Structures are given as structure tokens and as C-alpha cells.
Amino acid sequence: LLDTSPGRFLRFPTKYEIHEYSIMDAFVDHLPPGNIQNELDRAIRGRGAFRRFKDRIRFYGIEQLWYDYRQTAYREIAVRWCQDNKLKYE
């Protein structure tokens, strides 16, 4: 029988609480100063930022760099969530 008592389960953060836009912004700041950083910084401003960002990283051939950076950011979020909830991250 499944225990469904209140407080038994923890709620994961939603995609709105994770703020992928903030991860994109940090990625752009993480890049070396120059044309790519400047262009991506402009690309993520305003409406359509996600599409422009994706187009630009594809154009510059840095998609894998972005995916690796994002994966690390998600891992850090998961570790923090576990620590905040007194869980061991494995």
C-alpha cells in the first residue's frame, strides 16, 4: 500500500522556478569577451530570446558548450535542492 500522507513527498521546483533564462544569461557572461559574447548578449534581450539564442549558438558552433554548461547548472540546482531538503545527492 502506497503511503500518501501529507508531507511524505517533496515538490520539485517547476521550470518557472528554475529560470532557464538566468542560466542562458550566466552562460553568456561565462563566455570570453568578444563578438560571440556581445552578439549572444543582444540575442537574449526581448521577445524571442530563446529562439535567437538557439540560432546563434548553432551558428557559432557552440551548442555542445551550452548543453554542457546547462547540464552543470541543472546539477547544481539539484544538489542545492537536495541540501535544502536534507537529502543526499547521488
C-alpha atoms as a PDB file:
ATOM      1  CA  LEU A   1       0.000   0.000   0.000  1.00  0.00           C
ATOM      2  CA  LEU A   2       1.365   3.411  -1.002  1.00  0.00           C
ATOM      3  CA  ASP A   3       1.817   5.922   1.798  1.00  0.00           C
ATOM      4  CA  THR A   4       0.226   9.182   0.587  1.00  0.00           C
ATOM      5  CA  SER A   5       0.151  11.033   3.888  1.00  0.00           C
ATOM      6  CA  PRO A   6       0.718  14.814   3.736  1.00  0.00           C
ATOM      7  CA  GLY A   7       4.367  15.747   3.966  1.00  0.00           C
ATOM      8  CA  ARG A   8       5.507  12.358   2.634  1.00  0.00           C
ATOM      9  CA  PHE A   9       6.506  13.776  -0.745  1.00  0.00           C
ATOM     10  CA  LEU A  10       8.604  16.789  -1.646  1.00  0.00           C
ATOM     11  CA  ARG A  11       7.705  19.065  -4.528  1.00  0.00           C
ATOM     12  CA  PHE A  12      10.323  19.543  -7.228  1.00  0.00           C
ATOM     13  CA  PRO A  13      10.913  23.079  -8.487  1.00  0.00           C
ATOM     14  CA  THR A  14       8.948  23.932 -11.605  1.00  0.00           C
ATOM     15  CA  LYS A  15      10.531  25.149 -14.828  1.00  0.00           C
ATOM     16  CA  TYR A  16       9.389  28.645 -13.833  1.00  0.00           C
ATOM     17  CA  GLU A  17      11.302  28.414 -10.560  1.00  0.00           C
ATOM     18  CA  ILE A  18      14.475  27.224 -12.305  1.00  0.00           C
ATOM     19  CA  HIS A  19      14.601  30.194 -14.717  1.00  0.00           C
ATOM     20  CA  GLU A  20      16.416  28.835 -17.747  1.00  0.00           C
ATOM     21  CA  TYR A  21      16.734  32.427 -18.941  1.00  0.00           C
ATOM     22  CA  SER A  22      19.023  33.114 -15.964  1.00  0.00           C
ATOM     23  CA  ILE A  23      21.121  30.105 -16.954  1.00  0.00           C
ATOM     24  CA  MET A  24      21.399  31.477 -20.517  1.00  0.00           C
ATOM     25  CA  ASP A  25      22.398  34.887 -19.176  1.00  0.00           C
ATOM     26  CA  ALA A  26      25.070  33.334 -16.926  1.00  0.00           C
ATOM     27  CA  PHE A  27      26.351  31.279 -19.881  1.00  0.00           C
ATOM     28  CA  VAL A  28      26.780  34.428 -21.963  1.00  0.00           C
ATOM     29  CA  ASP A  29      28.646  36.101 -19.078  1.00  0.00           C
ATOM     30  CA  HIS A  30      30.814  32.976 -18.796  1.00  0.00           C
ATOM     31  CA  LEU A  31      31.998  33.284 -22.429  1.00  0.00           C
ATOM     32  CA  PRO A  32      35.234  35.114 -23.185  1.00  0.00           C
ATOM     33  CA  PRO A  33      34.713  38.791 -24.038  1.00  0.00           C
ATOM     34  CA  GLY A  34      34.349  39.425 -27.754  1.00  0.00           C
ATOM     35  CA  ASN A  35      31.986  39.249 -30.703  1.00  0.00           C
ATOM     36  CA  ILE A  36      30.263  35.983 -29.763  1.00  0.00           C
ATOM     37  CA  GLN A  37      29.568  37.151 -26.222  1.00  0.00           C
ATOM     38  CA  ASN A  38      28.316  40.530 -27.452  1.00  0.00           C
ATOM     39  CA  GLU A  39      26.047  39.018 -30.086  1.00  0.00           C
ATOM     40  CA  LEU A  40      24.588  36.452 -27.687  1.00  0.00           C
ATOM     41  CA  ASP A  41      24.035  39.162 -25.092  1.00  0.00           C
ATOM     42  CA  ARG A  42      21.960  41.111 -27.624  1.00  0.00           C
ATOM     43  CA  ALA A  43      20.193  37.932 -28.778  1.00  0.00           C
ATOM     44  CA  ILE A  44      18.798  37.118 -25.336  1.00  0.00           C
ATOM     45  CA  ARG A  45      17.165  40.515 -24.829  1.00  0.00           C
ATOM     46  CA  GLY A  46      13.467  40.930 -25.508  1.00  0.00           C
ATOM     47  CA  ARG A  47      10.809  38.835 -27.147  1.00  0.00           C
ATOM     48  CA  GLY A  48      12.052  35.738 -28.979  1.00  0.00           C
ATOM     49  CA  ALA A  49      15.224  35.495 -26.877  1.00  0.00           C
ATOM     50  CA  PHE A  50      15.231  31.698 -26.673  1.00  0.00           C
ATOM     51  CA  ARG A  51      14.896  31.251 -30.439  1.00  0.00           C
ATOM     52  CA  ARG A  52      17.579  33.845 -31.222  1.00  0.00           C
ATOM     53  CA  PHE A  53      19.896  32.334 -28.622  1.00  0.00           C
ATOM     54  CA  LYS A  54      19.463  28.850 -30.067  1.00  0.00           C
ATOM     55  CA  ASP A  55      20.046  30.131 -33.617  1.00  0.00           C
ATOM     56  CA  ARG A  56      23.216  31.990 -32.581  1.00  0.00           C
ATOM     57  CA  ILE A  57      24.804  29.132 -30.641  1.00  0.00           C
ATOM     58  CA  ARG A  58      24.124  26.869 -33.616  1.00  0.00           C
ATOM     59  CA  PHE A  59      25.616  29.462 -35.990  1.00  0.00           C
ATOM     60  CA  TYR A  60      28.782  29.759 -33.895  1.00  0.00           C
ATOM     61  CA  GLY A  61      29.074  26.001 -33.325  1.00  0.00           C
ATOM     62  CA  ILE A  62      28.952  26.257 -29.538  1.00  0.00           C
ATOM     63  CA  GLU A  63      25.814  24.200 -28.934  1.00  0.00           C
ATOM     64  CA  GLN A  64      27.691  21.487 -27.027  1.00  0.00           C
ATOM     65  CA  LEU A  65      29.360  24.120 -24.869  1.00  0.00           C
ATOM     66  CA  TRP A  66      25.883  25.446 -23.997  1.00  0.00           C
ATOM     67  CA  TYR A  67      24.444  21.980 -23.313  1.00  0.00           C
ATOM     68  CA  ASP A  68      27.375  21.119 -21.026  1.00  0.00           C
ATOM     69  CA  TYR A  69      27.021  24.432 -19.192  1.00  0.00           C
ATOM     70  CA  ARG A  70      23.258  23.962 -18.793  1.00  0.00           C
ATOM     71  CA  GLN A  71      23.712  20.395 -17.534  1.00  0.00           C
ATOM     72  CA  THR A  72      26.153  21.614 -14.884  1.00  0.00           C
ATOM     73  CA  ALA A  73      23.728  24.378 -13.877  1.00  0.00           C
ATOM     74  CA  TYR A  74      20.860  21.881 -13.529  1.00  0.00           C
ATOM     75  CA  ARG A  75      23.079  19.585 -11.467  1.00  0.00           C
ATOM     76  CA  GLU A  76      23.935  22.485  -9.149  1.00  0.00           C
ATOM     77  CA  ILE A  77      20.227  23.280  -8.787  1.00  0.00           C
ATOM     78  CA  ALA A  78      19.512  19.615  -7.946  1.00  0.00           C
ATOM     79  CA  VAL A  79      22.326  19.462  -5.377  1.00  0.00           C
ATOM     80  CA  ARG A  80      21.103  22.684  -3.745  1.00  0.00           C
ATOM     81  CA  TRP A  81      17.517  21.371  -3.699  1.00  0.00           C
ATOM     82  CA  CYS A  82      18.677  18.161  -2.029  1.00  0.00           C
ATOM     83  CA  GLN A  83      20.713  20.074   0.536  1.00  0.00           C
ATOM     84  CA  ASP A  84      17.779  22.400   1.271  1.00  0.00           C
ATOM     85  CA  ASN A  85      15.582  19.343   1.815  1.00  0.00           C
ATOM     86  CA  LYS A  86      18.214  17.464   3.833  1.00  0.00           C
ATOM     87  CA  LEU A  87      18.586  14.748   1.193  1.00  0.00           C
ATOM     88  CA  LYS A  88      21.755  13.105  -0.049  1.00  0.00           C
ATOM     89  CA  TYR A  89      22.518  13.824  -3.721  1.00  0.00           C
ATOM     90  CA  GLU A  90      23.803  10.750  -5.537  1.00  0.00           C
END
